[in-house]
Protein backbone atom coordinates (compact mmCIF):
# COMPACT_ATOMS: atom_id res chain seq x y z
CA MET A 1 118.83 67.47 122.94
CA SER A 2 120.02 64.17 120.96
CA GLU A 3 121.26 64.92 117.90
CA ASN A 4 117.80 63.31 116.24
CA SER A 5 115.48 65.28 118.18
CA GLU A 6 113.73 68.89 117.49
CA ILE A 7 115.42 71.78 117.32
CA ASN A 8 113.32 73.62 120.18
CA PHE A 9 112.55 76.96 118.38
CA GLU A 10 110.45 77.53 121.49
CA ASP A 11 113.25 78.78 122.97
CA THR A 12 113.18 82.36 123.48
CA ALA A 13 115.82 82.99 126.01
CA ILE A 14 118.73 81.87 123.04
CA GLY A 15 116.69 83.30 120.67
CA PHE A 16 116.30 86.48 121.72
CA ALA A 17 118.84 87.45 124.09
CA SER A 18 120.60 89.33 121.10
CA LYS A 19 117.57 91.96 122.34
CA SER A 20 117.45 94.31 125.52
CA THR A 21 114.71 94.37 127.14
CA SER A 22 113.72 97.79 125.85
CA ASP A 23 114.10 97.24 122.35
CA LEU A 24 112.16 93.19 123.02
CA LYS A 25 108.98 96.21 124.64
CA LYS A 26 108.78 97.60 121.58
CA THR A 27 109.07 94.90 119.38
CA TYR A 28 106.38 93.50 121.09
CA LEU A 29 103.86 96.73 120.32
CA LEU A 30 104.94 97.03 116.84
CA PHE A 31 103.94 93.36 116.45
CA LEU A 32 100.56 94.25 118.69
CA SER A 33 99.59 96.31 116.13
CA MET A 34 100.37 94.33 113.21
CA ARG A 35 98.27 91.72 113.82
CA PHE A 36 95.64 93.81 112.82
CA SER A 37 95.66 94.54 108.84
CA TRP A 38 92.96 98.09 109.32
CA MET A 39 96.12 99.09 111.72
CA VAL A 40 98.89 98.56 108.96
CA ASP A 41 96.53 100.18 106.13
CA ILE A 42 95.14 103.48 108.28
CA GLY A 43 99.22 102.90 109.04
CA THR A 44 100.42 103.03 106.60
CA PHE A 45 97.70 105.73 104.76
CA LEU A 46 98.89 107.91 107.01
CA THR A 47 102.84 107.96 106.76
CA LYS A 48 101.88 108.44 102.67
CA ALA A 49 100.18 111.49 103.73
CA ALA A 50 102.25 112.83 106.11
CA LEU A 51 105.15 112.74 104.00
CA ARG A 52 103.21 114.05 100.87
CA LEU A 53 102.88 116.84 103.65
CA LYS A 54 105.65 117.02 104.43
CA LEU A 55 104.99 116.29 108.27
CA PRO A 56 108.09 115.62 111.18
CA VAL A 57 107.45 111.80 110.34
CA LYS A 58 111.24 110.51 110.26
CA GLY A 59 111.97 110.15 113.26
CA ILE A 60 108.94 108.16 114.84
CA ILE A 61 109.50 105.30 111.74
CA ARG A 62 112.62 105.61 112.06
CA ASP A 63 112.76 104.46 115.86
CA THR A 64 109.78 101.86 114.85
CA LEU A 65 109.26 99.88 110.90
CA PHE A 66 113.00 101.34 110.01
CA LYS A 67 114.78 100.19 112.85
CA GLN A 68 113.10 96.74 113.57
CA PHE A 69 113.37 95.79 109.44
CA CYS A 70 116.34 98.42 107.86
CA GLY A 71 119.70 98.69 109.18
CA GLY A 72 120.63 101.78 108.58
CA VAL A 73 120.21 104.50 106.09
CA SER A 74 123.76 104.27 104.40
CA ILE A 75 126.35 100.73 104.17
CA LYS A 76 128.54 102.35 107.20
CA ASP A 77 125.54 103.36 109.19
CA CYS A 78 124.69 99.51 108.66
CA LYS A 79 128.17 98.87 110.27
CA GLN A 80 126.56 98.41 114.42
CA THR A 81 123.71 96.22 113.16
CA ILE A 82 126.66 93.75 111.30
CA ASP A 83 129.06 93.91 114.43
CA HIS A 84 125.95 92.88 116.26
CA LEU A 85 124.79 90.07 114.46
CA GLU A 86 128.25 88.84 114.60
CA LYS A 87 129.08 89.17 118.12
CA PHE A 88 125.97 86.15 118.15
CA ASN A 89 127.56 84.41 114.96
CA VAL A 90 125.10 85.28 112.18
CA LYS A 91 126.07 86.65 109.21
CA THR A 92 124.69 90.24 107.19
CA ILE A 93 123.52 89.65 103.70
CA LEU A 94 123.47 93.79 103.32
CA ASP A 95 120.49 94.60 100.48
CA TYR A 96 120.49 97.89 98.88
CA SER A 97 116.69 98.06 99.41
CA VAL A 98 116.14 101.75 97.56
CA GLU A 99 113.24 101.00 94.37
CA GLY A 100 114.90 103.16 91.34
CA GLN A 101 112.92 104.24 88.68
CA GLU A 102 113.27 102.69 84.91
CA THR A 103 115.92 105.59 83.39
CA GLU A 104 119.56 104.55 83.37
CA LYS A 105 120.99 107.47 85.42
CA SER A 106 119.33 105.35 88.60
CA PHE A 107 120.93 101.86 87.38
CA ASP A 108 124.19 103.40 87.06
CA GLU A 109 123.71 104.96 91.10
CA THR A 110 121.89 101.48 91.80
CA MET A 111 125.31 99.32 90.09
CA GLU A 112 127.52 101.50 91.87
CA GLU A 113 126.18 100.78 95.40
CA ALA A 114 126.66 97.46 94.50
CA LEU A 115 130.10 97.67 93.67
CA ARG A 116 130.22 100.19 96.86
CA VAL A 117 129.00 96.59 99.10
CA ALA A 118 131.60 94.68 97.11
CA ASP A 119 134.50 96.23 98.02
CA PHE A 120 132.64 97.21 102.21
CA ALA A 121 131.62 93.17 102.56
CA LYS A 122 135.36 92.43 100.77
CA ASN A 123 137.10 93.25 104.47
CA THR A 124 134.19 92.35 106.62
CA PRO A 125 134.39 89.45 108.33
CA GLY A 126 130.02 88.85 109.03
CA ILE A 127 128.94 89.51 105.18
CA PRO A 128 128.93 86.61 102.76
CA PHE A 129 126.99 87.31 100.50
CA CYS A 130 125.99 90.02 98.13
CA VAL A 131 122.29 90.38 96.90
CA MET A 132 120.21 92.52 94.13
CA LYS A 133 117.73 92.44 91.91
CA LEU A 134 118.42 92.51 88.89
CA THR A 135 115.99 95.20 87.73
CA GLY A 136 117.69 97.43 90.02
CA LEU A 137 120.58 97.26 87.02
CA GLY A 138 117.86 97.82 84.33
CA SER A 139 114.57 98.13 83.00
CA ALA A 140 112.13 95.63 83.47
CA SER A 141 110.18 96.81 80.91
CA LEU A 142 112.22 96.13 78.32
CA MET A 143 113.11 92.53 79.95
CA LYS A 144 109.13 91.72 79.12
CA LYS A 145 109.65 92.41 76.25
CA LYS A 146 112.33 90.51 75.72
CA GLN A 147 110.99 87.39 77.25
CA SER A 148 107.80 87.88 75.30
CA GLY A 149 109.26 87.48 72.32
CA LYS A 150 109.20 89.96 70.23
CA ALA A 151 112.32 92.17 68.57
CA LEU A 152 114.24 94.92 70.20
CA THR A 153 114.28 98.16 68.75
CA GLU A 154 117.97 98.98 68.16
CA LYS A 155 117.93 101.39 70.92
CA GLU A 156 116.69 98.95 73.15
CA GLN A 157 118.92 96.31 71.90
CA LEU A 158 121.53 99.16 73.01
CA ALA A 159 120.11 99.22 76.70
CA PHE A 160 119.69 95.71 77.22
CA GLU A 161 123.61 95.36 76.42
CA ARG A 162 124.26 98.03 79.13
CA PHE A 163 122.21 96.19 81.44
CA LYS A 164 123.99 92.69 80.96
CA GLU A 165 127.61 94.97 81.16
CA ARG A 166 126.68 96.58 84.29
CA VAL A 167 125.27 92.70 86.05
CA TYR A 168 128.52 91.39 84.88
CA ARG A 169 130.92 94.44 86.32
CA VAL A 170 129.12 93.65 89.87
CA ALA A 171 129.17 89.68 89.24
CA ASP A 172 132.93 90.90 88.18
CA ARG A 173 133.68 93.20 91.39
CA VAL A 174 132.21 90.66 93.98
CA VAL A 175 133.07 87.28 92.67
CA SER A 176 136.77 88.91 93.28
CA ASN A 177 136.65 90.22 96.12
CA ASN A 178 135.97 86.27 97.19
CA LEU A 179 132.13 86.63 98.32
CA ARG A 180 128.87 85.03 96.55
CA PHE A 181 127.22 86.93 94.59
CA MET A 182 123.47 86.18 95.14
CA VAL A 183 120.08 86.95 92.88
CA ASP A 184 116.89 87.72 94.17
CA ALA A 185 113.93 85.96 92.53
CA GLU A 186 111.68 88.07 90.41
CA GLU A 187 107.89 87.90 88.80
CA SER A 188 107.39 84.97 86.10
CA TRP A 189 107.26 87.59 83.48
CA ILE A 190 110.74 88.60 83.51
CA GLU A 191 112.40 85.48 85.11
CA GLU A 192 113.08 83.91 82.43
CA VAL A 193 115.39 86.81 81.36
CA ILE A 194 117.17 87.06 84.62
CA ASP A 195 117.14 83.29 85.26
CA ASP A 196 118.95 82.82 81.46
CA LEU A 197 121.63 85.89 82.60
CA VAL A 198 122.78 84.13 86.36
CA ILE A 199 123.06 81.32 84.18
CA ALA A 200 125.53 82.45 82.05
CA LEU A 201 127.20 83.83 85.32
CA MET A 202 127.50 80.28 86.83
CA LEU A 203 129.50 79.01 83.85
CA LYS A 204 132.02 82.07 83.86
CA TYR A 205 132.09 82.19 87.63
CA ASN A 206 130.83 78.96 88.93
CA LYS A 207 134.26 77.07 87.92
CA GLU A 208 136.07 76.28 91.34
CA ALA A 209 133.57 77.01 93.63
CA PRO A 210 129.38 77.66 93.81
CA MET A 211 130.05 81.67 93.72
CA VAL A 212 127.14 82.64 91.97
CA PHE A 213 123.60 81.90 93.48
CA ILE A 214 119.83 81.82 92.16
CA THR A 215 116.80 82.24 93.18
CA TYR A 216 113.62 80.09 92.90
CA GLN A 217 110.55 80.64 94.42
CA LEU A 218 108.53 77.26 95.25
CA TYR A 219 105.48 78.61 95.00
CA MET A 220 105.55 78.27 91.40
CA SER A 221 104.65 75.51 90.09
CA ASP A 222 107.10 75.45 87.62
CA ALA A 223 110.65 75.94 90.03
CA LEU A 224 111.17 73.01 91.01
CA GLU A 225 111.45 71.27 87.58
CA ARG A 226 113.43 74.36 86.88
CA MET A 227 115.66 74.16 89.59
CA LYS A 228 116.68 70.69 88.37
CA ALA A 229 116.89 71.39 84.65
CA ASP A 230 119.70 73.60 86.10
CA TYR A 231 121.34 72.23 87.51
CA LYS A 232 122.03 69.52 84.79
CA LYS A 233 122.76 72.50 82.97
CA VAL A 234 125.68 73.62 85.47
CA SER A 235 127.04 70.34 86.29
CA GLU A 236 127.32 69.23 83.00
CA HIS A 237 129.54 72.02 82.11
CA GLY A 238 132.24 70.80 84.77
CA CYS A 239 131.01 73.70 87.43
CA PHE A 240 129.76 74.41 90.92
CA PHE A 241 125.38 75.25 91.44
CA GLY A 242 123.84 77.98 94.21
CA ALA A 243 120.82 77.76 94.96
CA LYS A 244 118.17 80.59 97.02
CA LEU A 245 115.16 78.32 97.91
CA VAL A 246 112.28 80.78 99.21
CA ARG A 247 108.60 80.02 99.10
CA GLY A 248 107.67 83.62 97.00
CA ALA A 249 106.70 87.05 96.99
CA TYR A 250 104.56 88.24 93.96
CA MET A 251 101.63 85.60 95.03
CA GLU A 252 99.21 88.34 94.60
CA LYS A 253 100.33 89.92 91.31
CA GLU A 254 101.30 86.62 89.58
CA ARG A 255 97.28 85.55 89.84
CA ASP A 256 95.71 88.82 88.94
CA ARG A 257 97.62 88.60 85.63
CA ALA A 258 97.63 85.34 85.12
CA GLU A 259 93.65 86.20 85.63
CA ASP A 260 93.76 89.08 83.49
CA LYS A 261 95.80 87.39 81.01
CA ASP A 262 94.05 84.37 80.43
CA TYR A 263 96.96 82.10 80.73
CA PRO A 264 96.93 78.95 83.34
CA ASP A 265 97.78 80.21 87.06
CA PRO A 266 101.50 79.33 87.45
CA ILE A 267 101.63 79.52 91.33
CA GLN A 268 100.89 75.92 93.11
CA PRO A 269 97.11 74.71 94.53
CA ASP A 270 97.56 75.41 98.11
CA LYS A 271 99.65 75.39 100.97
CA LYS A 272 100.95 72.05 101.14
CA SER A 273 102.08 71.83 97.71
CA THR A 274 104.35 74.76 98.67
CA ASP A 275 105.63 73.07 101.23
CA LYS A 276 106.37 69.73 99.50
CA ALA A 277 107.69 71.14 97.31
CA TYR A 278 110.05 73.67 99.08
CA GLU A 279 111.05 70.46 101.02
CA ASP A 280 111.42 68.40 97.78
CA ALA A 281 114.24 71.00 97.51
CA LEU A 282 115.34 70.41 99.86
CA VAL A 283 116.43 66.91 99.57
CA PHE A 284 117.98 66.88 96.09
CA ALA A 285 119.75 69.84 96.76
CA THR A 286 121.57 67.40 100.08
CA ASP A 287 121.17 64.77 97.64
CA HIS A 288 124.12 66.66 95.48
CA ILE A 289 126.00 68.96 97.80
CA GLU A 290 129.05 67.77 96.45
CA ARG A 291 128.32 70.44 93.30
CA PHE A 292 125.60 72.40 94.87
CA ALA A 293 125.49 75.26 97.53
CA VAL A 294 122.05 75.87 99.11
CA CYS A 295 121.01 78.79 101.05
CA ALA A 296 117.50 78.10 102.48
CA GLY A 297 115.43 81.74 102.64
CA THR A 298 112.71 80.74 104.83
CA HIS A 299 110.85 80.85 108.20
CA ASN A 300 109.09 78.36 108.30
CA GLU A 301 110.44 76.08 111.50
CA GLY A 302 109.51 72.60 109.79
CA SER A 303 111.39 73.70 106.72
CA CYS A 304 114.48 74.40 109.07
CA GLN A 305 113.58 70.68 110.67
CA VAL A 306 113.76 69.22 107.49
CA LEU A 307 116.77 70.68 106.52
CA THR A 308 118.82 70.16 109.75
CA SER A 309 117.84 66.32 109.70
CA LEU A 310 118.54 66.16 105.61
CA MET A 311 122.25 67.41 107.56
CA ARG A 312 122.83 64.61 110.44
CA ALA A 313 121.03 62.36 107.48
CA LYS A 314 123.34 62.97 105.18
CA GLY A 315 126.50 63.48 107.65
CA ILE A 316 126.91 67.17 106.13
CA LYS A 317 128.67 69.01 108.91
CA LYS A 318 126.49 72.13 111.03
CA SER A 319 129.39 74.35 109.57
CA ASP A 320 128.91 73.52 105.81
CA GLU A 321 129.80 76.00 103.95
CA ARG A 322 127.66 75.02 101.25
CA VAL A 323 124.45 74.60 103.39
CA TYR A 324 123.29 78.87 104.94
CA PHE A 325 119.86 79.99 106.33
CA ALA A 326 118.35 82.91 106.48
CA GLN A 327 115.77 85.21 107.32
CA LEU A 328 114.50 88.80 107.27
CA LEU A 329 116.37 90.63 110.15
CA GLY A 330 113.37 91.60 112.20
CA MET A 331 111.71 88.35 111.97
CA SER A 332 112.12 84.78 113.55
CA ASP A 333 114.78 85.62 115.78
CA ASN A 334 113.50 82.69 117.20
CA ILE A 335 115.14 80.89 114.29
CA SER A 336 117.72 82.83 113.76
CA PHE A 337 119.74 82.76 117.37
CA LYS A 338 118.86 79.41 117.64
CA LEU A 339 120.16 77.85 115.02
CA SER A 340 123.64 79.68 114.92
CA ASN A 341 123.81 78.32 118.53
CA MET A 342 123.69 75.30 117.50
CA GLY A 343 126.71 75.80 114.87
CA TYR A 344 124.62 76.12 111.48
CA ASN A 345 125.23 78.65 109.11
CA VAL A 346 122.90 81.72 109.59
CA ALA A 347 122.66 84.71 108.59
CA LYS A 348 120.00 88.06 108.06
CA TYR A 349 119.33 90.10 104.87
CA VAL A 350 119.59 93.07 106.44
CA PRO A 351 117.39 96.35 104.45
CA TYR A 352 119.78 99.85 104.53
CA GLY A 353 119.27 103.17 102.46
CA PRO A 354 117.17 106.92 103.51
CA VAL A 355 113.84 106.36 105.39
CA GLU A 356 111.40 108.24 102.64
CA LYS A 357 113.12 105.17 99.96
CA VAL A 358 112.72 101.68 101.81
CA LEU A 359 109.12 102.41 103.13
CA PRO A 360 107.94 100.64 99.92
CA TYR A 361 110.15 97.79 101.19
CA LEU A 362 108.84 98.61 104.59
CA PHE A 363 104.67 98.67 104.16
CA ARG A 364 106.09 94.90 102.08
CA ARG A 365 106.60 93.66 105.57
CA ALA A 366 104.01 95.23 107.28
CA GLU A 367 101.68 92.86 104.87
CA GLU A 368 103.40 90.50 104.87
CA ASN A 369 103.40 89.80 108.53
CA THR A 370 99.39 90.01 108.43
CA SER A 371 98.25 88.47 105.84
CA ILE A 372 100.76 85.31 106.35
CA ALA A 373 98.82 83.47 108.69
CA GLY A 374 99.49 83.36 111.78
CA GLN A 375 103.14 85.42 111.66
CA SER A 376 102.37 88.27 113.14
CA SER A 377 100.49 86.39 115.78
CA ARG A 378 103.63 83.91 116.45
CA GLU A 379 106.34 86.88 116.46
CA TYR A 380 104.41 88.83 118.89
CA ALA A 381 103.43 84.96 121.31
CA LEU A 382 106.88 84.56 121.34
CA VAL A 383 108.59 88.19 122.45
CA LYS A 384 105.74 88.28 124.96
CA THR A 385 106.89 84.94 126.49
CA GLU A 386 109.99 86.23 126.06
CA LEU A 387 109.37 89.64 127.64
CA LYS A 388 107.74 87.20 130.92
CA ARG A 389 110.48 84.97 131.19
CA ARG A 390 112.68 88.11 131.88
CA ARG A 391 110.13 89.61 134.50
CA LYS A 392 109.59 85.88 136.36
CA GLU A 393 113.64 85.97 136.07
CA LYS A 394 113.85 89.09 137.65
CA ALA A 395 111.64 88.68 140.52
CA ASP A 396 113.70 85.93 141.67
CA ILE A 397 116.97 87.18 141.25
CA ASN A 398 114.89 90.16 143.67
CA ALA A 399 113.91 87.77 145.73
CA THR A 400 116.86 85.63 146.61
């Protein structure tokens, strides 16, 4: 393939080289079931009911949904997944996917887990980033109140200060361990509070290199302009800028709330507008690559083609640490492993945590695969193609 031609993301031999035929068959059955929303709905309902009744279903969950989308139940348990990905030059972004309650105890526990991840990653070459949602370290309702402009009570202000202390403690540990700290985006009614805090972290930790990354959801109609304004602010202070670009994860919640509270829908009018904003963000990032690091978090093959083309056009090496591609574990392996095989920097988001506590995450992954037009069908078709290719290859070998 010439350097100027498009990447063949249909190359299933490379895309699924990391999976055994046995595992691939399980993946095939899983994505087959995800093609039908009614099956996902029934499966989710039955799983929740079985767990409430304390029926022994954890083993089934662990061998299906959990195995496909999670790295393990603990940091140590993820080691096998991390090492396996590293063999194929795919890095890991460990994501503690337990959704805590709004208690100080829960926030402290999440902070301690984040510190453990940072220390584990320090001695694990396959982990370049640490990532987290800041609602794991502080109250979402408190952030919402602060963003709305309402005055916090003395007790609430103290809680907010403890939240900031936790964030700074985690960021300091991550950066001290020479790792990059990536903060996930959340709902728009708390995002300003999160972004303000991340920008402050950038001004502290990004003086020599892009160590702290902010996340932009490009399905938000104002995301691109916010990114440009944030970059201007950070760069004017002589600091480097880090951004993770995603399309977004809260569209239905955002639209429902806008309708309920009678304010303009903050979401892009259609998918075409979101795609254009995403590509424009990639152009801006690569245009300012001297002081900009970007992680393209996307399962969209077109966006990956755009970024690789921009890199070629602007003389950015495939191995340049300022540019990463990222996908979720268990999804879009045809993108991840093809890009890594070609020498690009690629990382998989690897969620982990006790099976029963990561179920909300797993249910969202299942629902996402049915709600995103063609996502589960695409995954299913690629796996089916690879299984067929392997059968033919085996038959040809046996025939010789």
